[in-house]
Amino acid sequence: MAFRPDIVINTPEGTTLVVEVKRHLPTVRGTEDGLKRYMVGMQCPVGLLVTPERIWLYRDSYSSRAPESIELVGVFDAKSLWRQPPPLDEIQFEVFVQDWLRDLTEQRSQDLPYDARKAFREYVLPAVAQGEIRAGHPRYSP
């Protein structure tokens, strides 16, 4: 099955941030590879992989047109970011993360842990501030 991000942020320049949300992530590698291939194929400069425990932040260095040009900026503790416990359902967790991104502003970024604050201000906040945050695919519960 082709990779489809769970959340996309579009700005007038195009898709500037894609987010893959996983309530349960058995292995990072496969999901990370799909995200990187998507970022390269869609020429998307920034990507996030979000679980209830961690957030991986990636950026495209544009050193090549291959997934190897996607660099890991950092892995951040997500538990301290949530104001309430994340929902247990996968679809509800996607909505939860999408709402969290909508609420993430310059002011709210003060609440981010120090290690994440600089990276989010540089790579995530510009897309959130200028872009339209929407689901990357239809959401439905089986």
Protein backbone atom coordinates (compact mmCIF):
# COMPACT_ATOMS: atom_id res chain seq x y z
CA MET A 1 0.00 0.00 0.00
CA ALA A 2 1.27 3.49 -0.85
CA PHE A 3 2.22 5.77 2.00
CA ARG A 4 -0.31 8.48 2.84
CA PRO A 5 0.45 10.98 5.60
CA ASP A 6 -2.19 11.46 8.27
CA ILE A 7 -1.93 15.27 8.38
CA VAL A 8 -0.68 17.75 5.79
CA ILE A 9 -0.03 21.44 6.11
CA ASN A 10 -0.32 23.39 2.89
CA THR A 11 0.92 26.95 2.47
CA PRO A 12 0.77 29.11 -0.67
CA GLU A 13 4.17 27.58 -1.58
CA GLY A 14 2.74 24.04 -1.51
CA THR A 15 2.84 21.24 1.04
CA THR A 16 5.38 22.33 3.63
CA LEU A 17 4.86 19.80 6.40
CA VAL A 18 3.56 16.23 6.53
CA VAL A 19 2.72 14.35 9.69
CA GLU A 20 2.46 10.62 10.27
CA VAL A 21 0.58 9.77 13.46
CA LYS A 22 0.90 6.35 15.08
CA ARG A 23 -0.81 5.38 18.32
CA HIS A 24 1.28 2.19 18.33
CA LEU A 25 4.59 2.01 16.49
CA PRO A 26 6.13 -1.47 16.53
CA THR A 27 9.20 -0.28 14.60
CA VAL A 28 10.25 3.19 13.59
CA ARG A 29 12.19 2.11 10.49
CA GLY A 30 9.34 1.15 8.15
CA THR A 31 7.21 4.18 8.98
CA GLU A 32 10.23 6.46 8.78
CA ASP A 33 11.17 5.07 5.34
CA GLY A 34 7.64 5.67 4.02
CA LEU A 35 7.61 9.22 5.37
CA LYS A 36 11.01 9.98 3.84
CA ARG A 37 10.02 8.61 0.41
CA TYR A 38 6.82 10.68 0.51
CA MET A 39 8.70 13.85 1.50
CA VAL A 40 11.14 13.42 -1.40
CA GLY A 41 8.43 12.53 -3.92
CA MET A 42 6.22 15.47 -2.94
CA GLN A 43 9.16 17.85 -2.39
CA CYS A 44 7.99 18.48 1.15
CA PRO A 45 10.71 20.06 3.29
CA VAL A 46 9.55 19.02 6.78
CA GLY A 47 8.03 15.89 8.28
CA LEU A 48 6.90 14.72 11.70
CA LEU A 49 6.36 11.23 13.04
CA VAL A 50 4.20 11.45 16.16
CA THR A 51 3.41 8.84 18.81
CA PRO A 52 1.99 9.45 22.28
CA GLU A 53 5.53 9.14 23.68
CA ARG A 54 7.80 10.76 21.06
CA ILE A 55 7.97 13.12 18.10
CA TRP A 56 10.58 12.66 15.37
CA LEU A 57 11.29 15.80 13.31
CA TYR A 58 12.80 15.46 9.82
CA ARG A 59 13.91 17.97 7.21
CA ASP A 60 14.99 17.60 3.63
CA SER A 61 18.52 18.86 3.03
CA TYR A 62 17.90 18.68 -0.75
CA SER A 63 21.35 17.16 -1.17
CA SER A 64 19.80 14.64 -3.58
CA ARG A 65 16.42 13.45 -4.87
CA ALA A 66 16.59 10.37 -2.68
CA PRO A 67 15.28 9.55 0.80
CA GLU A 68 18.86 9.77 2.07
CA SER A 69 18.58 13.57 1.77
CA ILE A 70 16.04 13.55 4.63
CA GLU A 71 17.81 14.26 7.91
CA LEU A 72 16.61 13.62 11.45
CA VAL A 73 16.57 16.97 13.26
CA GLY A 74 15.69 15.44 16.62
CA VAL A 75 13.58 13.09 18.68
CA PHE A 76 11.55 14.80 21.39
CA ASP A 77 9.58 13.64 24.39
CA ALA A 78 5.90 14.12 23.51
CA LYS A 79 4.39 13.20 26.88
CA SER A 80 5.22 16.64 28.28
CA LEU A 81 3.51 18.35 25.30
CA TRP A 82 0.01 17.03 25.80
CA ARG A 83 -2.30 19.02 28.08
CA GLN A 84 -4.48 15.94 28.48
CA PRO A 85 -3.86 12.24 27.94
CA PRO A 86 -3.97 11.24 24.25
CA PRO A 87 -6.97 9.13 23.19
CA LEU A 88 -6.49 5.40 22.80
CA ASP A 89 -8.19 5.15 19.40
CA GLU A 90 -5.92 5.63 16.34
CA ILE A 91 -8.34 7.94 14.48
CA GLN A 92 -9.06 10.00 17.58
CA PHE A 93 -5.32 10.30 18.18
CA GLU A 94 -4.88 11.71 14.65
CA VAL A 95 -7.55 14.35 15.39
CA PHE A 96 -5.91 15.03 18.76
CA VAL A 97 -2.53 15.71 17.08
CA GLN A 98 -4.16 17.83 14.37
CA ASP A 99 -5.87 19.96 17.04
CA TRP A 100 -2.57 20.24 18.94
CA LEU A 101 -0.86 21.54 15.78
CA ARG A 102 -3.66 24.08 15.25
CA ASP A 103 -3.14 25.33 18.79
CA LEU A 104 0.64 25.49 18.45
CA THR A 105 1.53 29.18 18.19
CA GLU A 106 4.57 31.25 19.03
CA GLN A 107 3.12 31.79 22.50
CA ARG A 108 2.35 28.10 23.05
CA SER A 109 5.83 27.19 21.83
CA GLN A 110 7.08 28.65 25.12
CA ASP A 111 5.56 25.53 26.71
CA LEU A 112 7.75 23.22 24.62
CA PRO A 113 10.71 21.61 26.34
CA TYR A 114 13.90 23.55 25.75
CA ASP A 115 15.39 20.94 23.41
CA ALA A 116 12.32 21.03 21.14
CA ARG A 117 11.61 24.78 21.21
CA LYS A 118 14.31 25.90 18.75
CA ALA A 119 13.65 23.10 16.27
CA PHE A 120 9.88 23.63 16.31
CA ARG A 121 10.26 27.40 15.92
CA GLU A 122 12.52 26.90 12.92
CA TYR A 123 10.75 24.05 11.11
CA VAL A 124 7.19 23.59 12.37
CA LEU A 125 5.79 26.95 13.49
CA PRO A 126 6.24 28.74 10.13
CA ALA A 127 4.13 26.07 8.40
CA VAL A 128 1.52 26.06 11.18
CA ALA A 129 1.28 29.87 11.20
CA GLN A 130 0.95 30.27 7.42
CA GLY A 131 -0.68 27.02 6.39
CA GLU A 132 -3.91 25.13 6.27
CA ILE A 133 -3.83 22.08 8.52
CA ARG A 134 -5.95 19.21 7.24
CA ALA A 135 -6.31 15.46 7.28
CA GLY A 136 -4.15 13.71 4.72
CA HIS A 137 -6.82 11.07 3.98
CA PRO A 138 -10.44 10.31 4.89
CA ARG A 139 -10.86 9.26 8.50
CA TYR A 140 -13.27 6.55 9.48
CA SER A 141 -13.50 3.96 12.18
CA PRO A 142 -13.71 0.33 11.04
